[in-house]
Amino acid sequence: MKAVQCLAVLDCLVSLGLLSSQSEGYTKPEVVAASAANEGTPFIDIKDGVHPCVAATYDSGDFIPNDARLGIKGKGHMVLLSGPNMGGKSTLLRQTCVLTLMAQIGSFVPAAKCRLSPVDRIFTRIGASDRILAGQSTLYVELAETATILNHATSHSLVILDELGRGTSTFDGTAIAYSVIEHLLSKIQCRTMFATHYHSLIEEYAGNEKVSLGHMGCVVDPENDRKVTFLYKLKDGMCPKSYGLNVAMLAKLPDEVIKCAANKSEQFERSLQSNNAQSKLVSLEMAQQVKDALAKGEAGLDKLRQLWAQVRSSIEAIQKCSHVTLSPLTSPEPPN
C-alpha cells in the first residue's frame, strides 16, 4: 500500500513537471511570508493569469488573461466584482483559486507572474442548487455554506463568493450580502473576491480603502445598447449594468418576450431615476430652507421646528413601512 502511495505522488510530480516544461506561458510562483514581503498583510499578486483547464479548450492565445491583486499596496484585500452576465466573472474567481492552489503544491502556474503569501484554506460559495431530499432551499444552502466560511476562515484564508443572496428578494439579498462583506472586512480581514449584480452594494464601498472595485469589460453598440461585446478583461471600477437582456437574446428567447422585457426594464429604470431625482430635489429644497432659517437666528426657530416636524413624520413613515426602529441618533429631539 505504501508503495502505491509513493507511486501516486511520483506520478503527480512527474505530471506537474511535464505540464510546466511543455506548456507555454507557465512561470515559477513565489510564495513568501506576508510579514517579510508585504508589511504583514496577506496578499495575492497574479499578473496575466489564465485558467489552465478552460484555456486548454481554446486555440493558443485566444484565452484572455487577467490579473488578481489582493492585499498589495494600493489595492484592498477584497475585490467587489461586477460586470455583464456571461462576462467572465465566475471564470476569474475559479481561476484565482486554481492558480493559488497550484502555486502552493509546488507547480508552475499559467501566468506572467505569481507572487503570494501562504493561504491556509480556500473557501468558495459558487453556483446555486437546492437539496430537495434534505428539504433545503437554494437560499438555505447558500447561507449554510456562507456560515461555514464565516465560522472557519482566518486572516490567511482566500474566500470566493459568487452572487450571494440571489435566492431571495433584492432587498433581503442585498442586506445579506452587505452584512457578510462587513463581517469579512471588520472581523476576518482575509483576501476575498465577491462577485455581485447588486449595484447599490458596490456603490456603498466605492470609497472604502479596504475594497477594490473591478468589473469585466464590455463594449456597447452606440446605435443599439442591446448589442454587447464581451471583452473578458478585468477593469477598474464598477459596471453600470448587467446586460441580462443580451444574454436572453443569446439564449434565443422568443422576440416578443425579449421586447416585453426590454420595455419593462426601461419602465423600471425611468421610475427609479424619477424617484431618485425627486428625493434629491426634496432634500436640496429642505437643506436650503434650513440654511435660510439658520441665517435668521432666533427669528428662524419656528421654521426650524416646522422642518423638523416634517423630518420626524418621514422617519415615522419609514418605520411603519420597514418595521424597523431607527436609532436615537437618527431622530434627535427638535431644537428648542
C-alpha atoms as a PDB file:
ATOM      1  CA  MET A   1       0.000   0.000   0.000  1.00  0.00           C
ATOM      2  CA  LYS A   2       2.830   2.387   0.851  1.00  0.00           C
ATOM      3  CA  ALA A   3       4.487   1.641  -2.491  1.00  0.00           C
ATOM      4  CA  VAL A   4       1.249   2.512  -4.306  1.00  0.00           C
ATOM      5  CA  GLN A   5       1.021   5.820  -2.431  1.00  0.00           C
ATOM      6  CA  CYS A   6       4.632   6.660  -3.323  1.00  0.00           C
ATOM      7  CA  LEU A   7       3.983   5.866  -6.985  1.00  0.00           C
ATOM      8  CA  ALA A   8       0.896   8.083  -6.921  1.00  0.00           C
ATOM      9  CA  VAL A   9       2.912  11.008  -5.525  1.00  0.00           C
ATOM     10  CA  LEU A  10       5.672  10.401  -8.082  1.00  0.00           C
ATOM     11  CA  ASP A  11       3.120  10.255 -10.912  1.00  0.00           C
ATOM     12  CA  CYS A  12       1.638  13.566  -9.762  1.00  0.00           C
ATOM     13  CA  LEU A  13       5.044  15.262  -9.548  1.00  0.00           C
ATOM     14  CA  VAL A  14       6.072  13.996 -12.993  1.00  0.00           C
ATOM     15  CA  SER A  15       2.766  15.206 -14.453  1.00  0.00           C
ATOM     16  CA  LEU A  16       3.234  18.661 -12.940  1.00  0.00           C
ATOM     17  CA  GLY A  17       6.816  18.754 -14.231  1.00  0.00           C
ATOM     18  CA  LEU A  18       5.775  17.816 -17.761  1.00  0.00           C
ATOM     19  CA  LEU A  19       2.948  20.351 -17.708  1.00  0.00           C
ATOM     20  CA  SER A  20       5.286  23.106 -16.556  1.00  0.00           C
ATOM     21  CA  SER A  21       8.029  22.322 -19.077  1.00  0.00           C
ATOM     22  CA  GLN A  22       5.901  21.580 -22.132  1.00  0.00           C
ATOM     23  CA  SER A  23       3.219  24.263 -21.784  1.00  0.00           C
ATOM     24  CA  GLU A  24       3.689  27.848 -22.922  1.00  0.00           C
ATOM     25  CA  GLY A  25       3.230  30.730 -20.519  1.00  0.00           C
ATOM     26  CA  TYR A  26       3.913  28.863 -17.270  1.00  0.00           C
ATOM     27  CA  THR A  27       6.027  30.584 -14.631  1.00  0.00           C
ATOM     28  CA  LYS A  28       7.560  29.678 -11.286  1.00  0.00           C
ATOM     29  CA  PRO A  29       5.442  31.121  -8.451  1.00  0.00           C
ATOM     30  CA  GLU A  30       6.969  32.892  -5.489  1.00  0.00           C
ATOM     31  CA  VAL A  31       5.452  32.034  -2.116  1.00  0.00           C
ATOM     32  CA  VAL A  32       6.709  34.362   0.613  1.00  0.00           C
ATOM     33  CA  ALA A  33       5.722  35.164   4.172  1.00  0.00           C
ATOM     34  CA  ALA A  34       3.433  38.177   4.427  1.00  0.00           C
ATOM     35  CA  SER A  35       5.490  39.536   7.312  1.00  0.00           C
ATOM     36  CA  ALA A  36       8.619  39.632   5.155  1.00  0.00           C
ATOM     37  CA  ALA A  37       7.157  40.949   1.919  1.00  0.00           C
ATOM     38  CA  ASN A  38       4.010  42.988   2.499  1.00  0.00           C
ATOM     39  CA  GLU A  39       4.162  44.655   5.923  1.00  0.00           C
ATOM     40  CA  GLY A  40       2.426  41.673   7.493  1.00  0.00           C
ATOM     41  CA  THR A  41      -0.626  41.809   5.213  1.00  0.00           C
ATOM     42  CA  PRO A  42      -1.577  38.559   3.407  1.00  0.00           C
ATOM     43  CA  PHE A  43      -1.575  39.139  -0.351  1.00  0.00           C
ATOM     44  CA  ILE A  44      -2.002  37.612  -3.803  1.00  0.00           C
ATOM     45  CA  ASP A  45      -0.400  39.205  -6.852  1.00  0.00           C
ATOM     46  CA  ILE A  46      -1.079  37.369 -10.118  1.00  0.00           C
ATOM     47  CA  LYS A  47      -0.221  39.018 -13.435  1.00  0.00           C
ATOM     48  CA  ASP A  48      -1.875  37.815 -16.665  1.00  0.00           C
ATOM     49  CA  GLY A  49      -3.142  34.563 -15.200  1.00  0.00           C
ATOM     50  CA  VAL A  50      -5.264  32.107 -17.186  1.00  0.00           C
ATOM     51  CA  HIS A  51      -7.468  29.195 -16.166  1.00  0.00           C
ATOM     52  CA  PRO A  52      -5.417  26.099 -17.121  1.00  0.00           C
ATOM     53  CA  CYS A  53      -8.418  23.879 -17.873  1.00  0.00           C
ATOM     54  CA  VAL A  54     -10.534  26.430 -19.740  1.00  0.00           C
ATOM     55  CA  ALA A  55      -7.533  27.776 -21.672  1.00  0.00           C
ATOM     56  CA  ALA A  56      -6.753  24.226 -22.860  1.00  0.00           C
ATOM     57  CA  THR A  57     -10.049  24.209 -24.783  1.00  0.00           C
ATOM     58  CA  TYR A  58      -9.078  27.362 -26.732  1.00  0.00           C
ATOM     59  CA  ASP A  59      -6.648  27.835 -29.585  1.00  0.00           C
ATOM     60  CA  SER A  60      -3.291  29.182 -28.471  1.00  0.00           C
ATOM     61  CA  GLY A  61      -3.568  32.813 -27.393  1.00  0.00           C
ATOM     62  CA  ASP A  62      -7.369  33.015 -27.564  1.00  0.00           C
ATOM     63  CA  PHE A  63      -7.986  32.890 -23.807  1.00  0.00           C
ATOM     64  CA  ILE A  64      -7.918  36.406 -22.317  1.00  0.00           C
ATOM     65  CA  PRO A  65      -5.509  36.614 -19.328  1.00  0.00           C
ATOM     66  CA  ASN A  66      -6.416  38.590 -16.212  1.00  0.00           C
ATOM     67  CA  ASP A  67      -4.758  39.876 -13.052  1.00  0.00           C
ATOM     68  CA  ALA A  68      -5.733  39.063  -9.478  1.00  0.00           C
ATOM     69  CA  ARG A  69      -4.323  41.541  -6.962  1.00  0.00           C
ATOM     70  CA  LEU A  70      -5.444  41.314  -3.351  1.00  0.00           C
ATOM     71  CA  GLY A  71      -3.875  42.966  -0.326  1.00  0.00           C
ATOM     72  CA  ILE A  72      -0.977  44.625  -2.144  1.00  0.00           C
ATOM     73  CA  LYS A  73      -0.101  48.307  -1.890  1.00  0.00           C
ATOM     74  CA  GLY A  74      -2.813  50.480  -3.409  1.00  0.00           C
ATOM     75  CA  LYS A  75      -5.307  47.602  -3.552  1.00  0.00           C
ATOM     76  CA  GLY A  76      -7.770  46.418  -0.933  1.00  0.00           C
ATOM     77  CA  HIS A  77      -7.742  42.860   0.338  1.00  0.00           C
ATOM     78  CA  MET A  78     -11.281  42.483  -1.015  1.00  0.00           C
ATOM     79  CA  VAL A  79     -12.346  42.809  -4.652  1.00  0.00           C
ATOM     80  CA  LEU A  80     -16.012  43.561  -5.399  1.00  0.00           C
ATOM     81  CA  LEU A  81     -16.530  42.283  -8.928  1.00  0.00           C
ATOM     82  CA  SER A  82     -19.357  43.368 -11.222  1.00  0.00           C
ATOM     83  CA  GLY A  83     -19.977  43.083 -14.937  1.00  0.00           C
ATOM     84  CA  PRO A  84     -22.334  41.679 -17.558  1.00  0.00           C
ATOM     85  CA  ASN A  85     -23.802  38.214 -17.345  1.00  0.00           C
ATOM     86  CA  MET A  86     -21.511  35.753 -19.165  1.00  0.00           C
ATOM     87  CA  GLY A  87     -18.738  38.363 -18.969  1.00  0.00           C
ATOM     88  CA  GLY A  88     -16.210  36.077 -17.256  1.00  0.00           C
ATOM     89  CA  LYS A  89     -16.666  36.864 -13.545  1.00  0.00           C
ATOM     90  CA  SER A  90     -17.060  33.262 -12.394  1.00  0.00           C
ATOM     91  CA  THR A  91     -14.156  32.091 -14.545  1.00  0.00           C
ATOM     92  CA  LEU A  92     -11.887  34.694 -12.940  1.00  0.00           C
ATOM     93  CA  LEU A  93     -12.975  33.615  -9.450  1.00  0.00           C
ATOM     94  CA  ARG A  94     -12.293  29.948 -10.163  1.00  0.00           C
ATOM     95  CA  GLN A  95      -9.053  30.804 -11.937  1.00  0.00           C
ATOM     96  CA  THR A  96      -7.723  32.631  -8.881  1.00  0.00           C
ATOM     97  CA  CYS A  97      -8.471  29.597  -6.698  1.00  0.00           C
ATOM     98  CA  VAL A  98      -6.806  27.149  -9.097  1.00  0.00           C
ATOM     99  CA  LEU A  99      -3.643  29.223  -9.539  1.00  0.00           C
ATOM    100  CA  THR A 100      -3.345  29.759  -5.781  1.00  0.00           C
ATOM    101  CA  LEU A 101      -3.644  26.021  -5.184  1.00  0.00           C
ATOM    102  CA  MET A 102      -1.158  25.172  -7.951  1.00  0.00           C
ATOM    103  CA  ALA A 103       1.371  27.630  -6.537  1.00  0.00           C
ATOM    104  CA  GLN A 104       1.180  26.133  -3.054  1.00  0.00           C
ATOM    105  CA  ILE A 105       1.591  22.499  -4.140  1.00  0.00           C
ATOM    106  CA  GLY A 106       4.822  23.353  -5.939  1.00  0.00           C
ATOM    107  CA  SER A 107       3.604  23.575  -9.522  1.00  0.00           C
ATOM    108  CA  PHE A 108       4.418  26.223 -12.079  1.00  0.00           C
ATOM    109  CA  VAL A 109       1.353  28.320 -12.909  1.00  0.00           C
ATOM    110  CA  PRO A 110      -0.063  29.723 -16.172  1.00  0.00           C
ATOM    111  CA  ALA A 111       0.694  33.404 -15.562  1.00  0.00           C
ATOM    112  CA  ALA A 112       3.288  36.041 -16.371  1.00  0.00           C
ATOM    113  CA  LYS A 113       3.887  36.465 -12.630  1.00  0.00           C
ATOM    114  CA  CYS A 114       2.564  34.848  -9.475  1.00  0.00           C
ATOM    115  CA  ARG A 115       3.562  36.026  -6.019  1.00  0.00           C
ATOM    116  CA  LEU A 116       1.599  35.369  -2.855  1.00  0.00           C
ATOM    117  CA  SER A 117       1.750  34.763   0.871  1.00  0.00           C
ATOM    118  CA  PRO A 118       0.625  31.307   2.088  1.00  0.00           C
ATOM    119  CA  VAL A 119      -3.102  30.570   2.100  1.00  0.00           C
ATOM    120  CA  ASP A 120      -4.265  28.290   4.913  1.00  0.00           C
ATOM    121  CA  ARG A 121      -7.644  27.463   3.347  1.00  0.00           C
ATOM    122  CA  ILE A 122      -9.630  28.247   0.216  1.00  0.00           C
ATOM    123  CA  PHE A 123     -13.365  28.746   0.765  1.00  0.00           C
ATOM    124  CA  THR A 124     -15.822  29.047  -2.133  1.00  0.00           C
ATOM    125  CA  ARG A 125     -19.541  29.788  -2.404  1.00  0.00           C
ATOM    126  CA  ILE A 126     -20.199  29.341  -6.103  1.00  0.00           C
ATOM    127  CA  GLY A 127     -23.246  28.178  -8.026  1.00  0.00           C
ATOM    128  CA  ALA A 128     -26.871  27.746  -6.983  1.00  0.00           C
ATOM    129  CA  SER A 129     -28.625  24.499  -6.142  1.00  0.00           C
ATOM    130  CA  ASP A 130     -31.094  23.159  -3.615  1.00  0.00           C
ATOM    131  CA  ARG A 131     -31.192  19.867  -1.715  1.00  0.00           C
ATOM    132  CA  ILE A 132     -34.735  18.637  -2.138  1.00  0.00           C
ATOM    133  CA  LEU A 133     -34.180  15.340  -0.311  1.00  0.00           C
ATOM    134  CA  ALA A 134     -32.993  17.280   2.735  1.00  0.00           C
ATOM    135  CA  GLY A 135     -35.750  19.887   2.394  1.00  0.00           C
ATOM    136  CA  GLN A 136     -33.213  22.678   1.927  1.00  0.00           C
ATOM    137  CA  SER A 137     -33.906  25.557  -0.461  1.00  0.00           C
ATOM    138  CA  THR A 138     -31.318  27.233  -2.665  1.00  0.00           C
ATOM    139  CA  LEU A 139     -31.103  30.183  -0.285  1.00  0.00           C
ATOM    140  CA  TYR A 140     -30.673  27.911   2.737  1.00  0.00           C
ATOM    141  CA  VAL A 141     -27.825  26.031   1.041  1.00  0.00           C
ATOM    142  CA  GLU A 142     -26.176  29.349   0.137  1.00  0.00           C
ATOM    143  CA  LEU A 143     -26.405  30.672   3.676  1.00  0.00           C
ATOM    144  CA  ALA A 144     -25.344  27.400   5.310  1.00  0.00           C
ATOM    145  CA  GLU A 145     -22.206  27.338   3.180  1.00  0.00           C
ATOM    146  CA  THR A 146     -21.598  31.025   3.902  1.00  0.00           C
ATOM    147  CA  ALA A 147     -21.946  30.328   7.629  1.00  0.00           C
ATOM    148  CA  THR A 148     -19.244  27.664   7.352  1.00  0.00           C
ATOM    149  CA  ILE A 149     -16.965  30.206   5.695  1.00  0.00           C
ATOM    150  CA  LEU A 150     -17.576  32.908   8.306  1.00  0.00           C
ATOM    151  CA  ASN A 151     -17.057  30.451  11.170  1.00  0.00           C
ATOM    152  CA  HIS A 152     -13.812  28.919   9.905  1.00  0.00           C
ATOM    153  CA  ALA A 153     -11.978  31.432   7.700  1.00  0.00           C
ATOM    154  CA  THR A 154      -8.923  33.206   9.104  1.00  0.00           C
ATOM    155  CA  SER A 155      -6.981  36.275   8.030  1.00  0.00           C
ATOM    156  CA  HIS A 156      -4.768  33.965   5.929  1.00  0.00           C
ATOM    157  CA  SER A 157      -7.659  32.358   4.029  1.00  0.00           C
ATOM    158  CA  LEU A 158      -8.874  33.014   0.487  1.00  0.00           C
ATOM    159  CA  VAL A 159     -12.656  33.451   0.245  1.00  0.00           C
ATOM    160  CA  ILE A 160     -14.566  33.379  -3.045  1.00  0.00           C
ATOM    161  CA  LEU A 161     -18.252  34.384  -3.093  1.00  0.00           C
ATOM    162  CA  ASP A 162     -20.234  34.378  -6.341  1.00  0.00           C
ATOM    163  CA  GLU A 163     -23.542  36.286  -6.320  1.00  0.00           C
ATOM    164  CA  LEU A 164     -24.515  35.674  -2.700  1.00  0.00           C
ATOM    165  CA  GLY A 165     -28.156  36.372  -1.845  1.00  0.00           C
ATOM    166  CA  ARG A 166     -29.714  35.882  -5.267  1.00  0.00           C
ATOM    167  CA  GLY A 167     -32.136  33.244  -3.956  1.00  0.00           C
ATOM    168  CA  THR A 168     -34.370  35.808  -2.239  1.00  0.00           C
ATOM    169  CA  SER A 169     -35.743  39.322  -2.774  1.00  0.00           C
ATOM    170  CA  THR A 170     -33.401  42.070  -3.938  1.00  0.00           C
ATOM    171  CA  PHE A 171     -33.696  43.930  -0.622  1.00  0.00           C
ATOM    172  CA  ASP A 172     -33.026  40.867   1.536  1.00  0.00           C
ATOM    173  CA  GLY A 173     -30.283  39.645  -0.796  1.00  0.00           C
ATOM    174  CA  THR A 174     -28.509  42.997  -0.733  1.00  0.00           C
ATOM    175  CA  ALA A 175     -28.800  43.173   3.055  1.00  0.00           C
ATOM    176  CA  ILE A 176     -27.365  39.674   3.484  1.00  0.00           C
ATOM    177  CA  ALA A 177     -24.511  40.376   1.078  1.00  0.00           C
ATOM    178  CA  TYR A 178     -23.744  43.665   2.840  1.00  0.00           C
ATOM    179  CA  SER A 179     -23.616  42.089   6.295  1.00  0.00           C
ATOM    180  CA  VAL A 180     -21.360  39.260   5.071  1.00  0.00           C
ATOM    181  CA  ILE A 181     -18.982  41.768   3.479  1.00  0.00           C
ATOM    182  CA  GLU A 182     -18.916  43.819   6.679  1.00  0.00           C
ATOM    183  CA  HIS A 183     -18.053  40.729   8.722  1.00  0.00           C
ATOM    184  CA  LEU A 184     -15.277  39.739   6.317  1.00  0.00           C
ATOM    185  CA  LEU A 185     -13.835  43.258   6.327  1.00  0.00           C
ATOM    186  CA  SER A 186     -14.030  44.005  10.043  1.00  0.00           C
ATOM    187  CA  LYS A 187     -13.688  40.614  11.733  1.00  0.00           C
ATOM    188  CA  ILE A 188     -11.843  38.159   9.481  1.00  0.00           C
ATOM    189  CA  GLN A 189      -9.911  40.558   7.218  1.00  0.00           C
ATOM    190  CA  CYS A 190      -8.992  37.873   4.696  1.00  0.00           C
ATOM    191  CA  ARG A 191      -8.374  38.000   0.963  1.00  0.00           C
ATOM    192  CA  THR A 192     -11.793  37.957  -0.689  1.00  0.00           C
ATOM    193  CA  MET A 193     -13.274  38.109  -4.181  1.00  0.00           C
ATOM    194  CA  PHE A 194     -17.004  38.845  -4.214  1.00  0.00           C
ATOM    195  CA  ALA A 195     -18.973  38.888  -7.482  1.00  0.00           C
ATOM    196  CA  THR A 196     -22.384  40.566  -7.455  1.00  0.00           C
ATOM    197  CA  HIS A 197     -25.049  42.242  -9.578  1.00  0.00           C
ATOM    198  CA  TYR A 198     -26.232  44.415  -6.673  1.00  0.00           C
ATOM    199  CA  HIS A 199     -25.030  47.800  -7.928  1.00  0.00           C
ATOM    200  CA  SER A 200     -26.263  49.606  -4.810  1.00  0.00           C
ATOM    201  CA  LEU A 201     -23.999  47.318  -2.778  1.00  0.00           C
ATOM    202  CA  ILE A 202     -20.982  48.205  -4.907  1.00  0.00           C
ATOM    203  CA  GLU A 203     -21.705  51.935  -4.626  1.00  0.00           C
ATOM    204  CA  GLU A 204     -21.693  51.532  -0.829  1.00  0.00           C
ATOM    205  CA  TYR A 205     -17.999  50.562  -0.898  1.00  0.00           C
ATOM    206  CA  ALA A 206     -16.803  52.908  -3.633  1.00  0.00           C
ATOM    207  CA  GLY A 207     -14.630  54.914  -1.236  1.00  0.00           C
ATOM    208  CA  ASN A 208     -13.528  52.107   1.095  1.00  0.00           C
ATOM    209  CA  GLU A 209      -9.735  51.669   1.085  1.00  0.00           C
ATOM    210  CA  LYS A 210     -10.110  48.003   2.064  1.00  0.00           C
ATOM    211  CA  VAL A 211     -12.142  47.271  -1.063  1.00  0.00           C
ATOM    212  CA  SER A 212     -11.136  47.413  -4.726  1.00  0.00           C
ATOM    213  CA  LEU A 213     -13.882  47.689  -7.333  1.00  0.00           C
ATOM    214  CA  GLY A 214     -13.477  45.778 -10.561  1.00  0.00           C
ATOM    215  CA  HIS A 215     -15.646  44.759 -13.490  1.00  0.00           C
ATOM    216  CA  MET A 216     -15.427  42.588 -16.573  1.00  0.00           C
ATOM    217  CA  GLY A 217     -15.230  44.928 -19.529  1.00  0.00           C
ATOM    218  CA  CYS A 218     -17.631  45.056 -22.451  1.00  0.00           C
ATOM    219  CA  VAL A 219     -18.350  47.277 -25.456  1.00  0.00           C
ATOM    220  CA  VAL A 220     -21.893  48.502 -26.086  1.00  0.00           C
ATOM    221  CA  ASP A 221     -23.015  49.260 -29.641  1.00  0.00           C
ATOM    222  CA  PRO A 222     -23.686  53.056 -29.710  1.00  0.00           C
ATOM    223  CA  GLU A 223     -26.601  52.532 -32.113  1.00  0.00           C
ATOM    224  CA  ASN A 224     -28.166  49.664 -30.174  1.00  0.00           C
ATOM    225  CA  ASP A 225     -27.407  49.331 -26.467  1.00  0.00           C
ATOM    226  CA  ARG A 226     -28.824  45.789 -26.537  1.00  0.00           C
ATOM    227  CA  LYS A 227     -25.810  44.642 -28.572  1.00  0.00           C
ATOM    228  CA  VAL A 228     -22.922  43.989 -26.208  1.00  0.00           C
ATOM    229  CA  THR A 229     -19.487  42.582 -26.990  1.00  0.00           C
ATOM    230  CA  PHE A 230     -17.784  40.879 -24.056  1.00  0.00           C
ATOM    231  CA  LEU A 231     -14.094  41.678 -23.605  1.00  0.00           C
ATOM    232  CA  TYR A 232     -13.489  39.174 -20.759  1.00  0.00           C
ATOM    233  CA  LYS A 233     -10.923  41.606 -19.353  1.00  0.00           C
ATOM    234  CA  LEU A 234     -10.847  42.818 -15.757  1.00  0.00           C
ATOM    235  CA  LYS A 235     -11.031  46.611 -15.478  1.00  0.00           C
ATOM    236  CA  ASP A 236     -11.112  49.029 -12.545  1.00  0.00           C
ATOM    237  CA  GLY A 237     -14.375  50.454 -11.237  1.00  0.00           C
ATOM    238  CA  MET A 238     -17.941  49.182 -11.374  1.00  0.00           C
ATOM    239  CA  CYS A 239     -20.078  48.180 -14.335  1.00  0.00           C
ATOM    240  CA  PRO A 240     -23.262  50.285 -14.592  1.00  0.00           C
ATOM    241  CA  LYS A 241     -25.422  47.443 -15.951  1.00  0.00           C
ATOM    242  CA  SER A 242     -25.591  43.646 -16.043  1.00  0.00           C
ATOM    243  CA  TYR A 243     -26.942  43.410 -19.622  1.00  0.00           C
ATOM    244  CA  GLY A 244     -29.163  40.447 -18.812  1.00  0.00           C
ATOM    245  CA  LEU A 245     -31.318  41.059 -21.895  1.00  0.00           C
ATOM    246  CA  ASN A 246     -28.278  40.474 -24.069  1.00  0.00           C
ATOM    247  CA  VAL A 247     -27.952  37.005 -22.555  1.00  0.00           C
ATOM    248  CA  ALA A 248     -31.673  36.477 -23.164  1.00  0.00           C
ATOM    249  CA  MET A 249     -31.079  37.138 -26.872  1.00  0.00           C
ATOM    250  CA  LEU A 250     -28.112  34.761 -26.937  1.00  0.00           C
ATOM    251  CA  ALA A 251     -30.303  32.114 -25.299  1.00  0.00           C
ATOM    252  CA  LYS A 252     -32.826  32.659 -28.126  1.00  0.00           C
ATOM    253  CA  LEU A 253     -35.828  33.585 -26.022  1.00  0.00           C
ATOM    254  CA  PRO A 254     -38.811  34.488 -28.248  1.00  0.00           C
ATOM    255  CA  ASP A 255     -38.579  38.004 -29.694  1.00  0.00           C
ATOM    256  CA  GLU A 256     -41.875  39.083 -28.132  1.00  0.00           C
ATOM    257  CA  VAL A 257     -40.623  38.013 -24.694  1.00  0.00           C
ATOM    258  CA  ILE A 258     -37.377  39.958 -25.104  1.00  0.00           C
ATOM    259  CA  LYS A 259     -39.235  43.023 -26.395  1.00  0.00           C
ATOM    260  CA  CYS A 260     -41.630  42.916 -23.434  1.00  0.00           C
ATOM    261  CA  ALA A 261     -38.702  42.528 -21.026  1.00  0.00           C
ATOM    262  CA  ALA A 262     -36.863  45.454 -22.629  1.00  0.00           C
ATOM    263  CA  ASN A 263     -39.905  47.717 -22.303  1.00  0.00           C
ATOM    264  CA  LYS A 264     -40.449  46.713 -18.693  1.00  0.00           C
ATOM    265  CA  SER A 265     -36.760  47.210 -17.896  1.00  0.00           C
ATOM    266  CA  GLU A 266     -36.850  50.742 -19.315  1.00  0.00           C
ATOM    267  CA  GLN A 267     -40.041  51.439 -17.354  1.00  0.00           C
ATOM    268  CA  PHE A 268     -38.446  50.294 -14.079  1.00  0.00           C
ATOM    269  CA  GLU A 269     -35.316  52.318 -14.791  1.00  0.00           C
ATOM    270  CA  ARG A 270     -37.266  55.510 -15.569  1.00  0.00           C
ATOM    271  CA  SER A 271     -39.347  55.076 -12.428  1.00  0.00           C
ATOM    272  CA  LEU A 272     -36.254  54.563 -10.282  1.00  0.00           C
ATOM    273  CA  GLN A 273     -34.484  57.567 -11.793  1.00  0.00           C
ATOM    274  CA  SER A 274     -37.583  59.713 -11.303  1.00  0.00           C
ATOM    275  CA  ASN A 275     -37.904  58.686  -7.650  1.00  0.00           C
ATOM    276  CA  ASN A 276     -34.213  59.331  -7.017  1.00  0.00           C
ATOM    277  CA  ALA A 277     -34.374  62.730  -8.700  1.00  0.00           C
ATOM    278  CA  GLN A 278     -37.468  63.689  -6.717  1.00  0.00           C
ATOM    279  CA  SER A 279     -35.838  62.614  -3.436  1.00  0.00           C
ATOM    280  CA  LYS A 280     -32.723  64.656  -4.205  1.00  0.00           C
ATOM    281  CA  LEU A 281     -34.823  67.696  -5.106  1.00  0.00           C
ATOM    282  CA  VAL A 282     -36.795  67.488  -1.855  1.00  0.00           C
ATOM    283  CA  SER A 283     -33.552  67.108   0.124  1.00  0.00           C
ATOM    284  CA  LEU A 284     -31.981  70.122  -1.592  1.00  0.00           C
ATOM    285  CA  GLU A 285     -35.062  72.256  -1.009  1.00  0.00           C
ATOM    286  CA  MET A 286     -35.165  71.324   2.678  1.00  0.00           C
ATOM    287  CA  ALA A 287     -31.429  71.955   3.040  1.00  0.00           C
ATOM    288  CA  GLN A 288     -31.872  75.433   1.579  1.00  0.00           C
ATOM    289  CA  GLN A 289     -34.780  76.157   3.917  1.00  0.00           C
ATOM    290  CA  VAL A 290     -32.689  75.065   6.918  1.00  0.00           C
ATOM    291  CA  LYS A 291     -29.828  77.277   5.735  1.00  0.00           C
ATOM    292  CA  ASP A 292     -32.147  80.280   5.380  1.00  0.00           C
ATOM    293  CA  ALA A 293     -33.700  79.662   8.813  1.00  0.00           C
ATOM    294  CA  LEU A 294     -30.295  79.393  10.479  1.00  0.00           C
ATOM    295  CA  ALA A 295     -29.241  82.657   8.857  1.00  0.00           C
ATOM    296  CA  LYS A 296     -32.183  84.410  10.537  1.00  0.00           C
ATOM    297  CA  GLY A 297     -31.065  83.345  14.021  1.00  0.00           C
ATOM    298  CA  GLU A 298     -33.828  83.286  16.631  1.00  0.00           C
ATOM    299  CA  ALA A 299     -36.324  84.572  14.084  1.00  0.00           C
ATOM    300  CA  GLY A 300     -35.953  81.314  12.173  1.00  0.00           C
ATOM    301  CA  LEU A 301     -36.615  78.942  15.093  1.00  0.00           C
ATOM    302  CA  ASP A 302     -40.290  78.485  14.214  1.00  0.00           C
ATOM    303  CA  LYS A 303     -39.315  77.480  10.680  1.00  0.00           C
ATOM    304  CA  LEU A 304     -36.723  75.016  12.035  1.00  0.00           C
ATOM    305  CA  ARG A 305     -39.371  73.420  14.270  1.00  0.00           C
ATOM    306  CA  GLN A 306     -41.677  73.110  11.265  1.00  0.00           C
ATOM    307  CA  LEU A 307     -38.950  71.476   9.166  1.00  0.00           C
ATOM    308  CA  TRP A 308     -38.070  69.122  11.987  1.00  0.00           C
ATOM    309  CA  ALA A 309     -41.728  68.052  12.230  1.00  0.00           C
ATOM    310  CA  GLN A 310     -41.557  67.108   8.541  1.00  0.00           C
ATOM    311  CA  VAL A 311     -38.404  65.068   9.162  1.00  0.00           C
ATOM    312  CA  ARG A 312     -39.990  63.268  12.117  1.00  0.00           C
ATOM    313  CA  SER A 313     -43.043  62.495  10.000  1.00  0.00           C
ATOM    314  CA  SER A 314     -40.836  60.985   7.292  1.00  0.00           C
ATOM    315  CA  ILE A 315     -38.945  58.900   9.874  1.00  0.00           C
ATOM    316  CA  GLU A 316     -42.201  57.535  11.296  1.00  0.00           C
ATOM    317  CA  ALA A 317     -43.393  56.632   7.789  1.00  0.00           C
ATOM    318  CA  ILE A 318     -40.160  54.729   7.123  1.00  0.00           C
ATOM    319  CA  GLN A 319     -40.516  52.882  10.430  1.00  0.00           C
ATOM    320  CA  LYS A 320     -44.053  51.795   9.601  1.00  0.00           C
ATOM    321  CA  CYS A 321     -43.074  50.548   6.131  1.00  0.00           C
ATOM    322  CA  SER A 322     -39.860  48.783   7.141  1.00  0.00           C
ATOM    323  CA  HIS A 323     -40.891  47.668  10.656  1.00  0.00           C
ATOM    324  CA  VAL A 324     -37.518  48.924  11.873  1.00  0.00           C
ATOM    325  CA  THR A 325     -36.993  51.292  14.783  1.00  0.00           C
ATOM    326  CA  LEU A 326     -34.424  53.931  13.913  1.00  0.00           C
ATOM    327  CA  SER A 327     -31.747  54.777  16.442  1.00  0.00           C
ATOM    328  CA  PRO A 328     -31.954  57.890  18.639  1.00  0.00           C
ATOM    329  CA  LEU A 329     -29.094  59.430  16.668  1.00  0.00           C
ATOM    330  CA  THR A 330     -31.257  59.343  13.567  1.00  0.00           C
ATOM    331  CA  SER A 331     -34.196  61.030  15.275  1.00  0.00           C
ATOM    332  CA  PRO A 332     -32.920  63.527  17.856  1.00  0.00           C
ATOM    333  CA  GLU A 333     -35.163  65.885  19.742  1.00  0.00           C
ATOM    334  CA  PRO A 334     -36.163  69.029  17.833  1.00  0.00           C
ATOM    335  CA  PRO A 335     -34.265  72.238  18.573  1.00  0.00           C
ATOM    336  CA  ASN A 336     -35.604  74.443  21.383  1.00  0.00           C
END
